[in-house]
Protein backbone atom coordinates (compact mmCIF):
# COMPACT_ATOMS: atom_id res chain seq x y z
CA MET A 1 -155.20 85.03 88.86
CA ILE A 2 -152.61 84.09 91.44
CA GLY A 3 -150.64 80.85 91.43
CA PHE A 4 -152.82 78.38 89.54
CA PHE A 5 -151.34 74.89 89.85
CA GLY A 6 -153.89 72.52 88.38
CA MET A 7 -156.72 73.29 90.78
CA ARG A 8 -159.89 71.51 89.67
CA ILE A 9 -162.95 73.77 89.75
CA ASP A 10 -166.67 73.19 89.42
CA ALA A 11 -167.61 76.36 87.54
CA HIS A 12 -171.36 76.20 88.16
CA GLN A 13 -173.28 75.21 91.27
CA HIS A 14 -175.85 76.73 93.64
CA PHE A 15 -176.61 77.12 97.33
CA TRP A 16 -179.85 78.04 99.05
CA MET A 17 -181.82 77.88 102.26
CA TYR A 18 -185.19 76.72 101.04
CA ASN A 19 -188.22 78.95 101.44
CA PRO A 20 -191.22 78.52 99.08
CA VAL A 21 -191.69 82.28 98.84
CA GLU A 22 -188.07 82.83 97.82
CA TYR A 23 -187.94 79.95 95.33
CA PRO A 24 -191.33 79.80 93.57
CA TRP A 25 -189.73 78.06 90.57
CA MET A 26 -189.31 74.90 92.65
CA THR A 27 -192.58 73.27 91.66
CA ASP A 28 -193.91 69.89 92.78
CA SER A 29 -191.97 68.17 90.02
CA LEU A 30 -188.77 69.56 91.54
CA ALA A 31 -189.50 68.39 95.08
CA ILE A 32 -185.98 67.04 95.65
CA LEU A 33 -184.75 70.64 95.57
CA ARG A 34 -187.08 71.80 98.34
CA LYS A 35 -184.55 71.66 101.15
CA ASP A 36 -181.42 73.52 102.21
CA TYR A 37 -178.32 72.95 100.09
CA LEU A 38 -175.20 74.45 101.64
CA PRO A 39 -171.41 74.05 101.36
CA ARG A 40 -171.32 71.24 103.91
CA ASP A 41 -173.70 69.24 101.71
CA LEU A 42 -171.49 69.66 98.64
CA ALA A 43 -168.06 69.19 100.20
CA GLY A 44 -168.24 65.40 100.41
CA GLU A 45 -169.38 65.10 96.81
CA LEU A 46 -166.44 67.19 95.62
CA ARG A 47 -163.94 65.13 97.62
CA LYS A 48 -165.09 61.96 95.87
CA VAL A 49 -164.04 63.34 92.48
CA LYS A 50 -161.16 65.53 93.71
CA ILE A 51 -162.74 68.89 92.85
CA GLU A 52 -161.07 71.59 94.96
CA GLY A 53 -163.14 74.71 94.39
CA THR A 54 -166.41 76.03 93.00
CA ILE A 55 -168.18 79.01 91.49
CA ALA A 56 -171.45 79.65 93.31
CA VAL A 57 -174.12 81.05 90.97
CA GLN A 58 -177.20 83.04 91.91
CA ALA A 59 -180.58 81.30 92.23
CA ARG A 60 -182.63 84.38 93.21
CA GLN A 61 -182.96 87.68 91.41
CA LYS A 62 -182.47 90.03 94.32
CA LEU A 63 -179.54 91.89 95.84
CA GLU A 64 -179.85 89.88 99.06
CA GLU A 65 -178.69 86.86 97.08
CA ASN A 66 -175.28 88.48 96.66
CA GLU A 67 -174.86 88.97 100.40
CA PHE A 68 -175.98 85.40 101.08
CA LEU A 69 -173.50 83.87 98.62
CA LEU A 70 -170.64 86.21 99.49
CA ASN A 71 -171.05 85.49 103.19
CA LEU A 72 -170.91 81.77 102.42
CA ALA A 73 -167.83 82.32 100.26
CA GLU A 74 -166.03 84.31 102.94
CA SER A 75 -166.49 81.52 105.46
CA ASN A 76 -165.94 78.61 103.08
CA PRO A 77 -162.60 78.49 101.21
CA LEU A 78 -164.14 75.92 98.86
CA ILE A 79 -166.08 78.74 97.13
CA LYS A 80 -163.61 80.56 94.90
CA GLY A 81 -166.05 82.98 93.26
CA VAL A 82 -169.65 84.19 93.22
CA VAL A 83 -171.77 84.99 90.16
CA GLY A 84 -174.45 87.21 91.60
CA TRP A 85 -177.31 89.39 90.42
CA VAL A 86 -177.89 93.10 89.93
CA ASP A 87 -180.89 94.74 88.31
CA LEU A 88 -179.47 95.33 84.86
CA VAL A 89 -182.52 97.25 83.67
CA ASN A 90 -182.48 99.63 86.63
CA ASP A 91 -181.39 103.24 86.14
CA ARG A 92 -179.18 102.78 89.22
CA VAL A 93 -177.44 99.67 87.96
CA GLU A 94 -174.02 101.33 88.27
CA GLU A 95 -174.59 101.93 91.99
CA GLN A 96 -175.58 98.28 92.47
CA VAL A 97 -172.49 97.06 90.62
CA GLU A 98 -170.27 99.34 92.69
CA GLN A 99 -171.88 98.01 95.86
CA PHE A 100 -170.46 94.54 95.22
CA PHE A 101 -167.57 94.57 92.77
CA THR A 102 -165.02 95.42 95.47
CA ARG A 103 -165.86 92.18 97.31
CA ARG A 104 -162.96 89.95 96.34
CA LYS A 105 -165.04 86.90 95.42
CA PHE A 106 -167.73 88.74 93.46
CA VAL A 107 -166.65 87.78 89.96
CA GLY A 108 -169.68 88.02 87.72
CA VAL A 109 -173.38 88.68 87.17
CA ARG A 110 -176.29 86.67 85.79
CA HIS A 111 -179.85 87.54 84.85
CA VAL A 112 -182.23 84.63 84.20
CA LEU A 113 -182.90 85.41 80.56
CA GLN A 114 -184.52 82.02 80.00
CA ASP A 115 -187.54 83.20 82.00
CA GLU A 116 -188.13 86.30 79.88
CA VAL A 117 -191.14 85.98 77.56
CA ASP A 118 -189.49 88.24 74.99
CA ASP A 119 -186.84 86.15 73.21
CA GLU A 120 -185.04 89.37 72.32
CA PHE A 121 -185.02 90.76 75.87
CA ALA A 122 -181.21 90.69 75.80
CA LEU A 123 -181.27 93.29 73.02
CA ARG A 124 -183.42 95.84 74.81
CA LYS A 125 -181.47 99.06 75.03
CA VAL A 126 -181.80 99.30 78.79
CA PHE A 127 -180.52 95.73 79.24
CA VAL A 128 -177.58 96.24 76.87
CA ARG A 129 -176.74 99.41 78.81
CA GLY A 130 -176.80 97.46 82.07
CA VAL A 131 -174.49 94.70 80.83
CA SER A 132 -172.16 97.34 79.40
CA LYS A 133 -171.42 98.52 82.96
CA LEU A 134 -169.80 95.22 83.96
CA ALA A 135 -166.58 95.12 81.95
CA GLN A 136 -165.18 98.32 83.44
CA HIS A 137 -165.35 96.62 86.83
CA GLY A 138 -163.81 93.38 85.60
CA LEU A 139 -167.07 91.45 85.96
CA THR A 140 -168.19 88.64 83.67
CA TYR A 141 -171.70 87.84 82.47
CA ASP A 142 -173.35 84.38 82.46
CA LEU A 143 -175.82 83.76 79.63
CA LEU A 144 -178.69 81.49 80.75
CA VAL A 145 -180.96 80.94 77.76
CA TYR A 146 -182.89 78.45 75.69
CA PRO A 147 -181.86 77.74 72.09
CA ARG A 148 -184.53 80.08 70.69
CA GLN A 149 -182.85 82.95 72.58
CA LEU A 150 -179.34 82.28 71.26
CA PRO A 151 -179.68 84.61 68.23
CA ALA A 152 -180.27 87.53 70.60
CA CYS A 153 -177.20 86.47 72.60
CA ILE A 154 -175.09 86.49 69.46
CA ALA A 155 -176.25 90.02 68.71
CA LEU A 156 -175.65 91.11 72.33
CA VAL A 157 -172.09 89.81 72.25
CA GLU A 158 -171.46 91.68 69.01
CA LYS A 159 -172.68 94.91 70.61
CA LEU A 160 -170.34 94.54 73.61
CA PRO A 161 -166.94 93.34 72.32
CA GLU A 162 -165.18 94.29 75.58
CA GLN A 163 -167.44 92.15 77.77
CA LYS A 164 -166.54 88.59 78.79
CA PHE A 165 -169.47 86.15 78.44
CA VAL A 166 -169.99 82.50 79.28
CA LEU A 167 -172.87 80.37 78.03
CA ASP A 168 -174.45 78.31 80.80
CA HIS A 169 -175.54 74.70 80.27
CA ILE A 170 -174.39 74.66 76.61
CA GLY A 171 -177.48 76.71 75.72
CA LYS A 172 -179.96 74.08 76.99
CA PRO A 173 -180.60 72.03 73.84
CA SER A 174 -183.42 69.46 74.03
CA ILE A 175 -181.27 66.40 74.60
CA ARG A 176 -184.30 64.29 75.53
CA ASP A 177 -185.70 64.89 72.02
CA ARG A 178 -182.27 64.46 70.36
CA GLU A 179 -182.59 67.86 68.71
CA LEU A 180 -179.51 69.56 67.27
CA GLY A 181 -180.82 71.71 64.41
CA ARG A 182 -180.67 75.43 64.94
CA TRP A 183 -179.00 75.02 68.32
CA GLN A 184 -175.78 73.77 66.78
CA GLU A 185 -175.81 76.53 64.17
CA ALA A 186 -176.20 79.16 66.89
CA ILE A 187 -173.47 77.56 69.03
CA ARG A 188 -171.00 77.78 66.18
CA ALA A 189 -171.91 81.41 65.52
CA LEU A 190 -171.65 82.35 69.21
CA ALA A 191 -168.28 80.63 69.57
CA LYS A 192 -166.78 82.82 66.87
CA ALA A 193 -166.69 85.71 69.33
CA GLY A 194 -163.40 85.49 71.18
CA THR A 195 -164.97 86.81 74.39
CA VAL A 196 -167.43 83.92 74.85
CA TYR A 197 -166.78 80.73 76.82
CA CYS A 198 -169.10 77.76 77.38
CA LYS A 199 -169.98 75.73 80.47
CA ILE A 200 -170.55 72.02 79.93
CA SER A 201 -173.11 71.96 82.72
CA GLY A 202 -176.82 71.38 83.21
CA MET A 203 -177.04 68.69 80.55
CA VAL A 204 -178.67 65.86 82.52
CA THR A 205 -181.74 67.97 83.24
CA GLU A 206 -182.21 68.54 79.50
CA ALA A 207 -182.09 64.76 78.94
CA ASN A 208 -184.55 62.04 79.99
CA TRP A 209 -184.31 62.32 83.77
CA LYS A 210 -184.99 58.62 84.36
CA GLY A 211 -183.34 57.04 81.35
CA TRP A 212 -180.33 58.92 79.98
CA SER A 213 -177.03 57.32 79.03
CA VAL A 214 -173.58 58.86 78.63
CA GLU A 215 -173.87 58.41 74.86
CA ASP A 216 -176.87 60.77 74.76
CA PHE A 217 -174.58 63.72 75.39
CA LYS A 218 -171.84 62.95 72.88
CA PRO A 219 -173.42 64.68 69.84
CA TYR A 220 -173.86 67.87 71.87
CA LEU A 221 -170.41 67.78 73.40
CA ASP A 222 -168.94 67.15 69.95
CA VAL A 223 -170.55 70.38 68.70
CA VAL A 224 -169.43 72.41 71.72
CA PHE A 225 -165.84 71.14 71.73
CA GLU A 226 -165.48 71.70 68.00
CA ALA A 227 -166.92 75.22 68.22
CA PHE A 228 -165.31 76.53 71.42
CA THR A 229 -162.29 74.19 71.64
CA PRO A 230 -160.93 73.08 75.04
CA ALA A 231 -159.46 76.58 75.46
CA LYS A 232 -162.93 78.10 76.04
CA ILE A 233 -164.82 75.35 77.86
CA MET A 234 -165.30 74.85 81.60
CA TYR A 235 -166.82 72.03 83.62
CA GLY A 236 -169.83 72.72 85.84
CA SER A 237 -172.10 70.33 87.74
CA ASP A 238 -175.21 72.51 88.21
CA TRP A 239 -175.51 70.87 91.64
CA PRO A 240 -177.99 70.55 93.32
CA VAL A 241 -180.31 71.05 90.32
CA CYS A 242 -178.57 68.10 88.65
CA LEU A 243 -180.01 65.84 91.38
CA LEU A 244 -183.27 65.85 89.45
CA ALA A 245 -181.60 63.51 86.97
CA GLY A 246 -178.40 62.17 88.51
CA ASN A 247 -176.00 62.35 91.43
CA TYR A 248 -172.77 64.36 91.41
CA GLU A 249 -170.53 61.45 90.48
CA GLN A 250 -172.74 60.55 87.52
CA VAL A 251 -172.70 64.13 86.21
CA TYR A 252 -168.94 64.36 86.65
CA GLY A 253 -168.56 60.96 84.98
CA ILE A 254 -170.08 62.23 81.73
CA ILE A 255 -167.35 64.82 81.37
CA ARG A 256 -164.57 62.60 82.71
CA GLN A 257 -165.36 59.96 80.09
CA TYR A 258 -165.72 62.45 77.24
CA THR A 259 -162.45 64.23 77.99
CA GLU A 260 -160.34 61.06 78.28
CA SER A 261 -159.13 61.55 74.71
CA LEU A 262 -157.90 65.11 75.37
CA SER A 263 -154.31 65.92 76.27
CA LYS A 264 -153.42 66.46 79.91
CA GLY A 265 -153.14 70.21 79.29
CA GLU A 266 -156.55 70.35 77.61
CA ARG A 267 -158.18 68.45 80.48
CA GLU A 268 -156.61 70.85 82.97
CA ARG A 269 -158.11 73.76 81.05
CA VAL A 270 -161.60 72.26 80.98
CA MET A 271 -161.48 71.12 84.60
CA GLY A 272 -160.23 74.33 86.17
CA LEU A 273 -157.76 76.56 84.40
CA ASN A 274 -160.33 78.13 82.05
CA ALA A 275 -162.66 78.93 84.94
CA ALA A 276 -159.80 80.44 86.93
CA GLU A 277 -158.73 82.63 84.01
CA PHE A 278 -162.25 83.61 82.94
CA TYR A 279 -163.40 84.64 86.40
CA GLY A 280 -160.04 86.06 87.42
CA LEU A 281 -159.86 83.91 90.52
CA GLU A 282 -157.33 84.57 93.22
CA LEU A 283 -156.00 81.13 93.98
CA PRO A 284 -153.30 80.23 96.50
CA GLY A 285 -149.88 79.54 95.03
């Protein structure tokens, strides 16, 4: 990391040029997402809340997604890093990693584990082998899972102590049903590993889309902040997916209000410094 001076970073957002063949997960209930979302569409939203940079995260599981996001990043200074995709269960995973890791803004990898039918997919030998190839290239791994898959994540992290992980969307608890239960137990266990961070992102889409309040998120944020502490937490909007349940300012407002009681240094960590350190961002001094 070069010259970090309080830059505020959205550590989790997406871009795409909509095509129904490329994005089959955008069903009728997600119609608001069925359009192009590009840097120019996000820039104004970020200015309103004084966010200065973002991490663009993959939305397609194909190598072409890396080129798409990296090309956007190279022409848009707003994008500080890209979390892309490689086929982690492919025998040639090392070649795929080597194809992209030299690109300055390629900072990490994500596989959409939440879509795997097998809740222990993350523990398959071939998958563990694939993830094990990331650390040697300085690449991070984003964990996108449901609460039932968290035990496998805990075991995966234990198998790969040299790998840096971050949990997306606080592990997607069912906020709409006010469930804490096993999710909070798993969060505490996962946080014990010093190599795991957590993104406070994607929460509004786990709540009641039409009727959530800021107070709905407090029990979940309390668990996450106690378990990970402000030293291992990073803000993310999950824009434009968040638009299903709220606009950018509303999503940002949840975290702004919750973090008011933190010290200035702790807020700086949550709102940018942790993301910069975790992803090894090269920021202007």
